[in-house]
Amino acid sequence: MTFVGRSSMEVAVEVTVEDLTKDEPAKTALTAYFTFVALDAQGHSCPAPALELITEDDRRLFEAGRQRYLNYKQRKNLMKQEGLS
């Protein structure tokens, strides 16, 4: 997990590929970010557990995820104001 908001959480997935016929390190084929929402027994959003940030890398990933979250919210609000959603 890279970011946790009030009820949402972002999970990063990195897919690597390698040519087994060559002595080369694996290469990143793609990176994707998935957002999940914590739900209670009735299917309503509920608070997600906090993400424990231990390393500097954890903090860097969290901040990048927070920026993606804020950018998404901003785009969503702009679309709503323009009547596009």
C-alpha atoms as a PDB file:
ATOM      1  CA  MET A   1       0.000   0.000   0.000  1.00  0.00           C
ATOM      2  CA  THR A   2       1.231   3.463  -0.817  1.00  0.00           C
ATOM      3  CA  PHE A   3      -1.485   5.772   0.552  1.00  0.00           C
ATOM      4  CA  VAL A   4      -4.447   5.605   2.936  1.00  0.00           C
ATOM      5  CA  GLY A   5      -7.063   8.323   3.173  1.00  0.00           C
ATOM      6  CA  ARG A   6     -10.150   8.348   5.380  1.00  0.00           C
ATOM      7  CA  SER A   7     -11.770   5.308   3.793  1.00  0.00           C
ATOM      8  CA  SER A   8      -9.712   4.722   0.647  1.00  0.00           C
ATOM      9  CA  MET A   9      -6.378   3.059   0.130  1.00  0.00           C
ATOM     10  CA  GLU A  10      -4.044   2.984  -2.846  1.00  0.00           C
ATOM     11  CA  VAL A  11      -2.112  -0.141  -3.808  1.00  0.00           C
ATOM     12  CA  ALA A  12       0.784   0.009  -6.259  1.00  0.00           C
ATOM     13  CA  VAL A  13       1.481  -2.953  -8.541  1.00  0.00           C
ATOM     14  CA  GLU A  14       4.649  -3.275 -10.591  1.00  0.00           C
ATOM     15  CA  VAL A  15       4.909  -5.894 -13.325  1.00  0.00           C
ATOM     16  CA  THR A  16       8.387  -6.926 -14.427  1.00  0.00           C
ATOM     17  CA  VAL A  17       9.568  -8.918 -17.424  1.00  0.00           C
ATOM     18  CA  GLU A  18      12.788 -10.724 -18.087  1.00  0.00           C
ATOM     19  CA  ASP A  19      14.357 -12.535 -20.966  1.00  0.00           C
ATOM     20  CA  LEU A  20      15.443 -15.873 -19.536  1.00  0.00           C
ATOM     21  CA  THR A  21      17.826 -16.402 -22.454  1.00  0.00           C
ATOM     22  CA  LYS A  22      19.905 -13.367 -21.497  1.00  0.00           C
ATOM     23  CA  ASP A  23      21.872 -12.536 -18.383  1.00  0.00           C
ATOM     24  CA  GLU A  24      20.111  -9.212 -17.774  1.00  0.00           C
ATOM     25  CA  PRO A  25      18.099  -7.911 -14.837  1.00  0.00           C
ATOM     26  CA  ALA A  26      14.317  -7.840 -15.043  1.00  0.00           C
ATOM     27  CA  LYS A  27      12.764  -4.677 -16.480  1.00  0.00           C
ATOM     28  CA  THR A  28       9.626  -2.891 -15.344  1.00  0.00           C
ATOM     29  CA  ALA A  29       6.865  -3.514 -17.905  1.00  0.00           C
ATOM     30  CA  LEU A  30       4.217  -1.426 -16.175  1.00  0.00           C
ATOM     31  CA  THR A  31       3.217   0.195 -12.925  1.00  0.00           C
ATOM     32  CA  ALA A  32      -0.425   0.589 -11.913  1.00  0.00           C
ATOM     33  CA  TYR A  33      -2.182   2.153  -8.942  1.00  0.00           C
ATOM     34  CA  PHE A  34      -5.449   0.678  -7.694  1.00  0.00           C
ATOM     35  CA  THR A  35      -7.769   2.427  -5.264  1.00  0.00           C
ATOM     36  CA  PHE A  36      -9.898   0.410  -2.855  1.00  0.00           C
ATOM     37  CA  VAL A  37     -12.510   1.628  -0.396  1.00  0.00           C
ATOM     38  CA  ALA A  38     -13.033   0.123   3.064  1.00  0.00           C
ATOM     39  CA  LEU A  39     -16.655  -0.965   3.522  1.00  0.00           C
ATOM     40  CA  ASP A  40     -18.644  -1.904   6.595  1.00  0.00           C
ATOM     41  CA  ALA A  41     -21.065  -4.840   6.818  1.00  0.00           C
ATOM     42  CA  GLN A  42     -23.818  -2.733   5.201  1.00  0.00           C
ATOM     43  CA  GLY A  43     -21.621  -1.800   2.230  1.00  0.00           C
ATOM     44  CA  HIS A  44     -21.017   1.803   3.323  1.00  0.00           C
ATOM     45  CA  SER A  45     -17.566   3.368   3.340  1.00  0.00           C
ATOM     46  CA  CYS A  46     -15.871   3.281   6.727  1.00  0.00           C
ATOM     47  CA  PRO A  47     -12.526   4.463   8.109  1.00  0.00           C
ATOM     48  CA  ALA A  48      -9.526   2.564   6.777  1.00  0.00           C
ATOM     49  CA  PRO A  49      -6.719   1.542   9.127  1.00  0.00           C
ATOM     50  CA  ALA A  50      -3.819   3.999   9.150  1.00  0.00           C
ATOM     51  CA  LEU A  51      -0.725   3.187   7.138  1.00  0.00           C
ATOM     52  CA  GLU A  52       2.401   2.834   9.252  1.00  0.00           C
ATOM     53  CA  LEU A  53       5.214   4.790   7.589  1.00  0.00           C
ATOM     54  CA  ILE A  54       8.525   3.386   8.784  1.00  0.00           C
ATOM     55  CA  THR A  55      11.138   4.208   6.172  1.00  0.00           C
ATOM     56  CA  GLU A  56      11.909   7.313   4.152  1.00  0.00           C
ATOM     57  CA  ASP A  57      10.807   5.366   1.073  1.00  0.00           C
ATOM     58  CA  ASP A  58       7.442   4.693   2.783  1.00  0.00           C
ATOM     59  CA  ARG A  59       7.040   8.433   3.376  1.00  0.00           C
ATOM     60  CA  ARG A  60       8.013   9.267  -0.215  1.00  0.00           C
ATOM     61  CA  LEU A  61       5.516   6.751  -1.637  1.00  0.00           C
ATOM     62  CA  PHE A  62       2.814   8.008   0.732  1.00  0.00           C
ATOM     63  CA  GLU A  63       3.349  11.627  -0.349  1.00  0.00           C
ATOM     64  CA  ALA A  64       3.241  10.665  -4.030  1.00  0.00           C
ATOM     65  CA  GLY A  65       0.002   8.753  -3.378  1.00  0.00           C
ATOM     66  CA  ARG A  66      -1.437  11.701  -1.480  1.00  0.00           C
ATOM     67  CA  GLN A  67      -0.680  13.964  -4.448  1.00  0.00           C
ATOM     68  CA  ARG A  68      -2.432  11.534  -6.843  1.00  0.00           C
ATOM     69  CA  TYR A  69      -5.420  11.474  -4.462  1.00  0.00           C
ATOM     70  CA  LEU A  70      -5.597  15.284  -4.244  1.00  0.00           C
ATOM     71  CA  ASN A  71      -5.219  15.663  -8.026  1.00  0.00           C
ATOM     72  CA  TYR A  72      -8.039  13.175  -8.588  1.00  0.00           C
ATOM     73  CA  LYS A  73     -10.300  15.016  -6.134  1.00  0.00           C
ATOM     74  CA  GLN A  74      -9.521  18.335  -7.826  1.00  0.00           C
ATOM     75  CA  ARG A  75     -10.300  16.948 -11.314  1.00  0.00           C
ATOM     76  CA  LYS A  76     -13.518  15.377 -10.021  1.00  0.00           C
ATOM     77  CA  ASN A  77     -14.646  18.687  -8.468  1.00  0.00           C
ATOM     78  CA  LEU A  78     -13.855  20.612 -11.675  1.00  0.00           C
ATOM     79  CA  MET A  79     -15.852  18.150 -13.744  1.00  0.00           C
ATOM     80  CA  LYS A  80     -18.747  18.411 -11.313  1.00  0.00           C
ATOM     81  CA  GLN A  81     -18.702  22.222 -11.531  1.00  0.00           C
ATOM     82  CA  GLU A  82     -18.678  22.028 -15.333  1.00  0.00           C
ATOM     83  CA  GLY A  83     -21.568  19.548 -15.296  1.00  0.00           C
ATOM     84  CA  LEU A  84     -19.503  16.757 -16.858  1.00  0.00           C
ATOM     85  CA  SER A  85     -20.087  14.108 -14.212  1.00  0.00           C
END
